[in-house]
Amino acid sequence: MGDGDDWLGDFTRGPAVFSLYRLGIRSGGHPLGPAEYRIDCNDGAGPRVICRYFDEPEAVPEWFGAWRNDEWCPWILERAKALVANPRNT
């Protein structure tokens, strides 16, 4: 893998399109640390980062803006973890 972010796939709910990326070195990922992921959302207002999380059992996802404590958060993480297990770009 290079040092750029790797797109793993998209999923939708209602009008929102969510994109999942594994972060590369340029975005703060570390080659010897746990994998770090970014979830972007485009709900018609343009794409923006809504969450970053590490692939560790006890890691707490960091949600941004109006997505903090949103009722969709558990569903979004479940879908993201399914994409990590089976990326669409391979």
PDB file of N, CA and C in Angstrom:
ATOM      1  N   MET A   1       0.853  -1.174   0.000  1.00  0.00           N
ATOM      2  CA  MET A   1       0.000   0.000   0.000  1.00  0.00           C
ATOM      3  C   MET A   1       0.894   1.230   0.000  1.00  0.00           C
ATOM      4  N   GLY A   2       0.495   2.260  -0.735  1.00  0.00           N
ATOM      5  CA  GLY A   2       1.230   3.516  -0.766  1.00  0.00           C
ATOM      6  C   GLY A   2       0.951   4.342   0.463  1.00  0.00           C
ATOM      7  N   ASP A   3       1.380   5.602   0.426  1.00  0.00           N
ATOM      8  CA  ASP A   3       1.163   6.445   1.599  1.00  0.00           C
ATOM      9  C   ASP A   3      -0.074   7.317   1.457  1.00  0.00           C
ATOM     10  N   GLY A   4      -0.853   7.166   0.374  1.00  0.00           N
ATOM     11  CA  GLY A   4      -2.115   7.873   0.201  1.00  0.00           C
ATOM     12  C   GLY A   4      -3.257   7.082   0.812  1.00  0.00           C
ATOM     13  N   ASP A   5      -4.433   7.686   0.872  1.00  0.00           N
ATOM     14  CA  ASP A   5      -5.601   6.999   1.418  1.00  0.00           C
ATOM     15  C   ASP A   5      -6.144   6.014   0.389  1.00  0.00           C
ATOM     16  N   ASP A   6      -6.620   4.878   0.865  1.00  0.00           N
ATOM     17  CA  ASP A   6      -7.189   3.851   0.002  1.00  0.00           C
ATOM     18  C   ASP A   6      -8.700   3.819   0.167  1.00  0.00           C
ATOM     19  N   TRP A   7      -9.415   4.012  -0.948  1.00  0.00           N
ATOM     20  CA  TRP A   7     -10.872   3.931  -0.940  1.00  0.00           C
ATOM     21  C   TRP A   7     -11.276   2.468  -0.855  1.00  0.00           C
ATOM     22  N   LEU A   8     -12.151   2.146   0.102  1.00  0.00           N
ATOM     23  CA  LEU A   8     -12.588   0.768   0.288  1.00  0.00           C
ATOM     24  C   LEU A   8     -13.996   0.515  -0.231  1.00  0.00           C
ATOM     25  N   GLY A   9     -14.764   1.569  -0.469  1.00  0.00           N
ATOM     26  CA  GLY A   9     -16.110   1.404  -1.002  1.00  0.00           C
ATOM     27  C   GLY A   9     -17.080   2.425  -0.457  1.00  0.00           C
ATOM     28  N   ASP A  10     -18.305   2.358  -0.969  1.00  0.00           N
ATOM     29  CA  ASP A  10     -19.390   3.266  -0.582  1.00  0.00           C
ATOM     30  C   ASP A  10     -20.596   2.452  -0.125  1.00  0.00           C
ATOM     31  N   PHE A  11     -21.473   3.113   0.634  1.00  0.00           N
ATOM     32  CA  PHE A  11     -22.776   2.554   0.978  1.00  0.00           C
ATOM     33  C   PHE A  11     -23.728   3.722   1.175  1.00  0.00           C
ATOM     34  N   THR A  12     -25.016   3.458   1.075  1.00  0.00           N
ATOM     35  CA  THR A  12     -26.002   4.542   1.130  1.00  0.00           C
ATOM     36  C   THR A  12     -27.083   4.260   2.165  1.00  0.00           C
ATOM     37  N   ARG A  13     -27.693   5.327   2.593  1.00  0.00           N
ATOM     38  CA  ARG A  13     -28.895   5.271   3.429  1.00  0.00           C
ATOM     39  C   ARG A  13     -29.653   6.552   3.149  1.00  0.00           C
ATOM     40  N   GLY A  14     -30.885   6.404   2.696  1.00  0.00           N
ATOM     41  CA  GLY A  14     -31.653   7.590   2.311  1.00  0.00           C
ATOM     42  C   GLY A  14     -30.881   8.366   1.252  1.00  0.00           C
ATOM     43  N   PRO A  15     -30.819   9.691   1.390  1.00  0.00           N
ATOM     44  CA  PRO A  15     -30.104  10.494   0.400  1.00  0.00           C
ATOM     45  C   PRO A  15     -28.586  10.547   0.638  1.00  0.00           C
ATOM     46  N   ALA A  16     -28.114   9.965   1.718  1.00  0.00           N
ATOM     47  CA  ALA A  16     -26.701  10.073   2.096  1.00  0.00           C
ATOM     48  C   ALA A  16     -25.858   8.962   1.468  1.00  0.00           C
ATOM     49  N   VAL A  17     -24.687   9.348   0.954  1.00  0.00           N
ATOM     50  CA  VAL A  17     -23.708   8.399   0.435  1.00  0.00           C
ATOM     51  C   VAL A  17     -22.490   8.462   1.353  1.00  0.00           C
ATOM     52  N   PHE A  18     -22.100   7.317   1.895  1.00  0.00           N
ATOM     53  CA  PHE A  18     -20.963   7.228   2.798  1.00  0.00           C
ATOM     54  C   PHE A  18     -19.810   6.551   2.069  1.00  0.00           C
ATOM     55  N   SER A  19     -18.602   7.099   2.207  1.00  0.00           N
ATOM     56  CA  SER A  19     -17.403   6.530   1.590  1.00  0.00           C
ATOM     57  C   SER A  19     -16.411   6.192   2.684  1.00  0.00           C
ATOM     58  N   LEU A  20     -15.772   5.040   2.574  1.00  0.00           N
ATOM     59  CA  LEU A  20     -14.813   4.578   3.578  1.00  0.00           C
ATOM     60  C   LEU A  20     -13.412   4.557   2.982  1.00  0.00           C
ATOM     61  N   TYR A  21     -12.447   5.092   3.732  1.00  0.00           N
ATOM     62  CA  TYR A  21     -11.045   5.134   3.323  1.00  0.00           C
ATOM     63  C   TYR A  21     -10.167   4.605   4.445  1.00  0.00           C
ATOM     64  N   ARG A  22      -9.134   3.863   4.078  1.00  0.00           N
ATOM     65  CA  ARG A  22      -8.076   3.508   5.026  1.00  0.00           C
ATOM     66  C   ARG A  22      -7.023   4.591   4.873  1.00  0.00           C
ATOM     67  N   LEU A  23      -6.626   5.214   5.981  1.00  0.00           N
ATOM     68  CA  LEU A  23      -5.704   6.339   5.925  1.00  0.00           C
ATOM     69  C   LEU A  23      -4.278   5.889   5.662  1.00  0.00           C
ATOM     70  N   GLY A  24      -3.616   6.641   4.817  1.00  0.00           N
ATOM     71  CA  GLY A  24      -2.210   6.418   4.524  1.00  0.00           C
ATOM     72  C   GLY A  24      -1.336   7.314   5.388  1.00  0.00           C
ATOM     73  N   ILE A  25      -0.051   7.236   5.199  1.00  0.00           N
ATOM     74  CA  ILE A  25       0.914   7.990   5.998  1.00  0.00           C
ATOM     75  C   ILE A  25       0.683   9.494   5.892  1.00  0.00           C
ATOM     76  N   ARG A  26       0.400   9.988   4.700  1.00  0.00           N
ATOM     77  CA  ARG A  26       0.198  11.436   4.525  1.00  0.00           C
ATOM     78  C   ARG A  26      -0.991  11.966   5.305  1.00  0.00           C
ATOM     79  N   SER A  27      -1.939  11.110   5.639  1.00  0.00           N
ATOM     80  CA  SER A  27      -3.126  11.539   6.372  1.00  0.00           C
ATOM     81  C   SER A  27      -3.044  11.234   7.858  1.00  0.00           C
ATOM     82  N   GLY A  28      -1.907  10.809   8.325  1.00  0.00           N
ATOM     83  CA  GLY A  28      -1.733  10.546   9.751  1.00  0.00           C
ATOM     84  C   GLY A  28      -1.650   9.080  10.110  1.00  0.00           C
ATOM     85  N   GLY A  29      -1.862   8.178   9.150  1.00  0.00           N
ATOM     86  CA  GLY A  29      -1.728   6.752   9.436  1.00  0.00           C
ATOM     87  C   GLY A  29      -0.274   6.389   9.691  1.00  0.00           C
ATOM     88  N   HIS A  30      -0.037   5.393  10.498  1.00  0.00           N
ATOM     89  CA  HIS A  30       1.324   4.970  10.818  1.00  0.00           C
ATOM     90  C   HIS A  30       1.518   3.538  10.325  1.00  0.00           C
ATOM     91  N   PRO A  31       2.619   3.254   9.616  1.00  0.00           N
ATOM     92  CA  PRO A  31       2.800   1.913   9.050  1.00  0.00           C
ATOM     93  C   PRO A  31       2.903   0.795  10.093  1.00  0.00           C
ATOM     94  N   LEU A  32       3.298   1.111  11.318  1.00  0.00           N
ATOM     95  CA  LEU A  32       3.436   0.084  12.345  1.00  0.00           C
ATOM     96  C   LEU A  32       2.294   0.094  13.355  1.00  0.00           C
ATOM     97  N   GLY A  33       1.397   1.053  13.237  1.00  0.00           N
ATOM     98  CA  GLY A  33       0.281   1.150  14.169  1.00  0.00           C
ATOM     99  C   GLY A  33      -0.958   0.455  13.627  1.00  0.00           C
ATOM    100  N   PRO A  34      -2.042   0.496  14.408  1.00  0.00           N
ATOM    101  CA  PRO A  34      -3.294  -0.109  13.935  1.00  0.00           C
ATOM    102  C   PRO A  34      -3.834   0.684  12.743  1.00  0.00           C
ATOM    103  N   ALA A  35      -4.581   0.015  11.903  1.00  0.00           N
ATOM    104  CA  ALA A  35      -5.186   0.686  10.747  1.00  0.00           C
ATOM    105  C   ALA A  35      -6.142   1.777  11.223  1.00  0.00           C
ATOM    106  N   GLU A  36      -6.113   2.909  10.515  1.00  0.00           N
ATOM    107  CA  GLU A  36      -7.030   4.005  10.819  1.00  0.00           C
ATOM    108  C   GLU A  36      -7.905   4.249   9.602  1.00  0.00           C
ATOM    109  N   TYR A  37      -9.189   4.502   9.857  1.00  0.00           N
ATOM    110  CA  TYR A  37     -10.167   4.669   8.797  1.00  0.00           C
ATOM    111  C   TYR A  37     -10.877   6.016   8.909  1.00  0.00           C
ATOM    112  N   ARG A  38     -11.337   6.502   7.745  1.00  0.00           N
ATOM    113  CA  ARG A  38     -12.098   7.759   7.670  1.00  0.00           C
ATOM    114  C   ARG A  38     -13.391   7.468   6.924  1.00  0.00           C
ATOM    115  N   ILE A  39     -14.483   7.984   7.461  1.00  0.00           N
ATOM    116  CA  ILE A  39     -15.775   7.879   6.788  1.00  0.00           C
ATOM    117  C   ILE A  39     -16.188   9.276   6.364  1.00  0.00           C
ATOM    118  N   ASP A  40     -16.461   9.432   5.070  1.00  0.00           N
ATOM    119  CA  ASP A  40     -16.974  10.687   4.525  1.00  0.00           C
ATOM    120  C   ASP A  40     -18.456  10.506   4.232  1.00  0.00           C
ATOM    121  N   CYS A  41     -19.196  11.614   4.245  1.00  0.00           N
ATOM    122  CA  CYS A  41     -20.617  11.576   3.913  1.00  0.00           C
ATOM    123  C   CYS A  41     -20.927  12.705   2.947  1.00  0.00           C
ATOM    124  N   ASN A  42     -21.717  12.390   1.928  1.00  0.00           N
ATOM    125  CA  ASN A  42     -22.261  13.408   1.035  1.00  0.00           C
ATOM    126  C   ASN A  42     -23.773  13.240   1.056  1.00  0.00           C
ATOM    127  N   ASP A  43     -24.443  14.189   1.710  1.00  0.00           N
ATOM    128  CA  ASP A  43     -25.904  14.139   1.805  1.00  0.00           C
ATOM    129  C   ASP A  43     -26.546  15.243   0.970  1.00  0.00           C
ATOM    130  N   GLY A  44     -25.805  15.698  -0.037  1.00  0.00           N
ATOM    131  CA  GLY A  44     -26.303  16.758  -0.908  1.00  0.00           C
ATOM    132  C   GLY A  44     -25.627  18.095  -0.663  1.00  0.00           C
ATOM    133  N   ALA A  45     -24.915  18.205   0.447  1.00  0.00           N
ATOM    134  CA  ALA A  45     -24.225  19.452   0.789  1.00  0.00           C
ATOM    135  C   ALA A  45     -22.734  19.362   0.481  1.00  0.00           C
ATOM    136  N   GLY A  46     -22.322  18.321  -0.230  1.00  0.00           N
ATOM    137  CA  GLY A  46     -20.900  18.120  -0.534  1.00  0.00           C
ATOM    138  C   GLY A  46     -20.280  17.150   0.449  1.00  0.00           C
ATOM    139  N   PRO A  47     -19.242  16.420   0.020  1.00  0.00           N
ATOM    140  CA  PRO A  47     -18.621  15.428   0.903  1.00  0.00           C
ATOM    141  C   PRO A  47     -17.855  16.076   2.048  1.00  0.00           C
ATOM    142  N   ARG A  48     -17.929  15.435   3.215  1.00  0.00           N
ATOM    143  CA  ARG A  48     -17.182  15.901   4.386  1.00  0.00           C
ATOM    144  C   ARG A  48     -16.901  14.719   5.305  1.00  0.00           C
ATOM    145  N   VAL A  49     -15.833  14.846   6.076  1.00  0.00           N
ATOM    146  CA  VAL A  49     -15.456  13.798   7.031  1.00  0.00           C
ATOM    147  C   VAL A  49     -16.445  13.819   8.185  1.00  0.00           C
ATOM    148  N   ILE A  50     -16.981  12.628   8.509  1.00  0.00           N
ATOM    149  CA  ILE A  50     -17.906  12.546   9.639  1.00  0.00           C
ATOM    150  C   ILE A  50     -17.360  11.699  10.777  1.00  0.00           C
ATOM    151  N   CYS A  51     -16.361  10.829  10.480  1.00  0.00           N
ATOM    152  CA  CYS A  51     -15.852   9.932  11.517  1.00  0.00           C
ATOM    153  C   CYS A  51     -14.447   9.456  11.162  1.00  0.00           C
ATOM    154  N   ARG A  52     -13.634   9.259  12.188  1.00  0.00           N
ATOM    155  CA  ARG A  52     -12.336   8.577  12.067  1.00  0.00           C
ATOM    156  C   ARG A  52     -12.281   7.556  13.192  1.00  0.00           C
ATOM    157  N   TYR A  53     -11.741   6.376  12.867  1.00  0.00           N
ATOM    158  CA  TYR A  53     -11.623   5.352  13.903  1.00  0.00           C
ATOM    159  C   TYR A  53     -10.448   4.431  13.603  1.00  0.00           C
ATOM    160  N   PHE A  54      -9.952   3.785  14.666  1.00  0.00           N
ATOM    161  CA  PHE A  54      -8.862   2.812  14.563  1.00  0.00           C
ATOM    162  C   PHE A  54      -9.427   1.407  14.595  1.00  0.00           C
ATOM    163  N   ASP A  55      -8.749   0.488  13.945  1.00  0.00           N
ATOM    164  CA  ASP A  55      -9.146  -0.915  13.939  1.00  0.00           C
ATOM    165  C   ASP A  55      -8.546  -1.595  15.166  1.00  0.00           C
ATOM    166  N   GLU A  56      -9.112  -1.278  16.313  1.00  0.00           N
ATOM    167  CA  GLU A  56      -8.727  -1.863  17.596  1.00  0.00           C
ATOM    168  C   GLU A  56      -9.993  -2.155  18.383  1.00  0.00           C
ATOM    169  N   PRO A  57     -10.018  -3.232  19.139  1.00  0.00           N
ATOM    170  CA  PRO A  57     -11.240  -3.610  19.860  1.00  0.00           C
ATOM    171  C   PRO A  57     -11.773  -2.537  20.810  1.00  0.00           C
ATOM    172  N   GLU A  58     -10.896  -1.820  21.500  1.00  0.00           N
ATOM    173  CA  GLU A  58     -11.361  -0.860  22.498  1.00  0.00           C
ATOM    174  C   GLU A  58     -11.309   0.590  22.027  1.00  0.00           C
ATOM    175  N   ALA A  59     -11.002   0.802  20.768  1.00  0.00           N
ATOM    176  CA  ALA A  59     -10.924   2.166  20.245  1.00  0.00           C
ATOM    177  C   ALA A  59     -12.320   2.784  20.159  1.00  0.00           C
ATOM    178  N   VAL A  60     -12.402   4.062  20.477  1.00  0.00           N
ATOM    179  CA  VAL A  60     -13.662   4.803  20.423  1.00  0.00           C
ATOM    180  C   VAL A  60     -13.646   5.666  19.163  1.00  0.00           C
ATOM    181  N   PRO A  61     -14.634   5.513  18.287  1.00  0.00           N
ATOM    182  CA  PRO A  61     -14.679   6.326  17.069  1.00  0.00           C
ATOM    183  C   PRO A  61     -14.823   7.814  17.411  1.00  0.00           C
ATOM    184  N   GLU A  62     -14.231   8.663  16.589  1.00  0.00           N
ATOM    185  CA  GLU A  62     -14.355  10.107  16.750  1.00  0.00           C
ATOM    186  C   GLU A  62     -15.323  10.619  15.689  1.00  0.00           C
ATOM    187  N   TRP A  63     -16.491  11.068  16.128  1.00  0.00           N
ATOM    188  CA  TRP A  63     -17.516  11.602  15.236  1.00  0.00           C
ATOM    189  C   TRP A  63     -17.420  13.118  15.203  1.00  0.00           C
ATOM    190  N   PHE A  64     -17.753  13.697  14.070  1.00  0.00           N
ATOM    191  CA  PHE A  64     -17.615  15.140  13.891  1.00  0.00           C
ATOM    192  C   PHE A  64     -18.967  15.805  13.642  1.00  0.00           C
ATOM    193  N   GLY A  65     -19.077  17.049  14.119  1.00  0.00           N
ATOM    194  CA  GLY A  65     -20.256  17.878  13.856  1.00  0.00           C
ATOM    195  C   GLY A  65     -21.550  17.252  14.330  1.00  0.00           C
ATOM    196  N   ALA A  66     -22.572  17.387  13.494  1.00  0.00           N
ATOM    197  CA  ALA A  66     -23.905  16.903  13.839  1.00  0.00           C
ATOM    198  C   ALA A  66     -23.973  15.387  13.956  1.00  0.00           C
ATOM    199  N   TRP A  67     -22.931  14.687  13.524  1.00  0.00           N
ATOM    200  CA  TRP A  67     -22.940  13.224  13.591  1.00  0.00           C
ATOM    201  C   TRP A  67     -22.638  12.695  14.988  1.00  0.00           C
ATOM    202  N   ARG A  68     -22.158  13.540  15.889  1.00  0.00           N
ATOM    203  CA  ARG A  68     -21.914  13.082  17.260  1.00  0.00           C
ATOM    204  C   ARG A  68     -23.234  12.629  17.872  1.00  0.00           C
ATOM    205  N   ASN A  69     -23.275  11.391  18.328  1.00  0.00           N
ATOM    206  CA  ASN A  69     -24.447  10.790  18.975  1.00  0.00           C
ATOM    207  C   ASN A  69     -25.658  10.650  18.057  1.00  0.00           C
ATOM    208  N   ASP A  70     -25.459  10.688  16.743  1.00  0.00           N
ATOM    209  CA  ASP A  70     -26.570  10.497  15.813  1.00  0.00           C
ATOM    210  C   ASP A  70     -27.046   9.045  15.875  1.00  0.00           C
ATOM    211  N   GLU A  71     -28.323   8.831  15.684  1.00  0.00           N
ATOM    212  CA  GLU A  71     -28.882   7.472  15.765  1.00  0.00           C
ATOM    213  C   GLU A  71     -28.361   6.549  14.662  1.00  0.00           C
ATOM    214  N   TRP A  72     -27.822   7.100  13.570  1.00  0.00           N
ATOM    215  CA  TRP A  72     -27.281   6.280  12.491  1.00  0.00           C
ATOM    216  C   TRP A  72     -25.862   5.787  12.777  1.00  0.00           C
ATOM    217  N   CYS A  73     -25.169   6.349  13.765  1.00  0.00           N
ATOM    218  CA  CYS A  73     -23.754   6.021  14.009  1.00  0.00           C
ATOM    219  C   CYS A  73     -23.480   4.521  14.121  1.00  0.00           C
ATOM    220  N   PRO A  74     -24.219   3.753  14.938  1.00  0.00           N
ATOM    221  CA  PRO A  74     -23.938   2.312  15.018  1.00  0.00           C
ATOM    222  C   PRO A  74     -24.103   1.612  13.661  1.00  0.00           C
ATOM    223  N   TRP A  75     -25.128   1.992  12.904  1.00  0.00           N
ATOM    224  CA  TRP A  75     -25.343   1.403  11.576  1.00  0.00           C
ATOM    225  C   TRP A  75     -24.197   1.747  10.629  1.00  0.00           C
ATOM    226  N   ILE A  76     -23.746   2.997  10.653  1.00  0.00           N
ATOM    227  CA  ILE A  76     -22.637   3.433   9.792  1.00  0.00           C
ATOM    228  C   ILE A  76     -21.384   2.634  10.109  1.00  0.00           C
ATOM    229  N   LEU A  77     -21.035   2.494  11.394  1.00  0.00           N
ATOM    230  CA  LEU A  77     -19.850   1.718  11.778  1.00  0.00           C
ATOM    231  C   LEU A  77     -19.971   0.253  11.378  1.00  0.00           C
ATOM    232  N   GLU A  78     -21.143  -0.320  11.524  1.00  0.00           N
ATOM    233  CA  GLU A  78     -21.354  -1.714  11.125  1.00  0.00           C
ATOM    234  C   GLU A  78     -21.090  -1.888   9.628  1.00  0.00           C
ATOM    235  N   ARG A  79     -21.617  -0.977   8.819  1.00  0.00           N
ATOM    236  CA  ARG A  79     -21.398  -1.047   7.374  1.00  0.00           C
ATOM    237  C   ARG A  79     -19.930  -0.828   7.021  1.00  0.00           C
ATOM    238  N   ALA A  80     -19.279   0.123   7.715  1.00  0.00           N
ATOM    239  CA  ALA A  80     -17.858   0.397   7.454  1.00  0.00           C
ATOM    240  C   ALA A  80     -17.013  -0.839   7.770  1.00  0.00           C
ATOM    241  N   LYS A  81     -17.271  -1.476   8.891  1.00  0.00           N
ATOM    242  CA  LYS A  81     -16.499  -2.666   9.272  1.00  0.00           C
ATOM    243  C   LYS A  81     -16.741  -3.810   8.295  1.00  0.00           C
ATOM    244  N   ALA A  82     -17.938  -3.896   7.718  1.00  0.00           N
ATOM    245  CA  ALA A  82     -18.196  -4.909   6.698  1.00  0.00           C
ATOM    246  C   ALA A  82     -17.367  -4.624   5.445  1.00  0.00           C
ATOM    247  N   LEU A  83     -17.206  -3.341   5.097  1.00  0.00           N
ATOM    248  CA  LEU A  83     -16.367  -2.984   3.942  1.00  0.00           C
ATOM    249  C   LEU A  83     -14.896  -3.266   4.218  1.00  0.00           C
ATOM    250  N   VAL A  84     -14.449  -3.085   5.443  1.00  0.00           N
ATOM    251  CA  VAL A  84     -13.053  -3.392   5.782  1.00  0.00           C
ATOM    252  C   VAL A  84     -12.811  -4.893   5.548  1.00  0.00           C
ATOM    253  N   ALA A  85     -13.793  -5.708   5.936  1.00  0.00           N
ATOM    254  CA  ALA A  85     -13.665  -7.149   5.787  1.00  0.00           C
ATOM    255  C   ALA A  85     -13.741  -7.583   4.319  1.00  0.00           C
ATOM    256  N   ASN A  86     -14.454  -6.797   3.490  1.00  0.00           N
ATOM    257  CA  ASN A  86     -14.651  -7.147   2.076  1.00  0.00           C
ATOM    258  C   ASN A  86     -14.662  -5.877   1.227  1.00  0.00           C
ATOM    259  N   PRO A  87     -13.482  -5.257   1.017  1.00  0.00           N
ATOM    260  CA  PRO A  87     -13.427  -3.997   0.259  1.00  0.00           C
ATOM    261  C   PRO A  87     -13.917  -4.173  -1.171  1.00  0.00           C
ATOM    262  N   ARG A  88     -14.550  -3.132  -1.689  1.00  0.00           N
ATOM    263  CA  ARG A  88     -15.087  -3.168  -3.048  1.00  0.00           C
ATOM    264  C   ARG A  88     -14.065  -2.766  -4.102  1.00  0.00           C
ATOM    265  N   ASN A  89     -12.905  -2.282  -3.703  1.00  0.00           N
ATOM    266  CA  ASN A  89     -11.923  -1.802  -4.686  1.00  0.00           C
ATOM    267  C   ASN A  89     -10.861  -2.842  -5.004  1.00  0.00           C
ATOM    268  N   THR A  90     -11.038  -4.075  -4.559  1.00  0.00           N
ATOM    269  CA  THR A  90     -10.046  -5.105  -4.848  1.00  0.00           C
ATOM    270  C   THR A  90     -10.547  -6.070  -5.894  1.00  0.00           C
TER     271      THR A  90
END
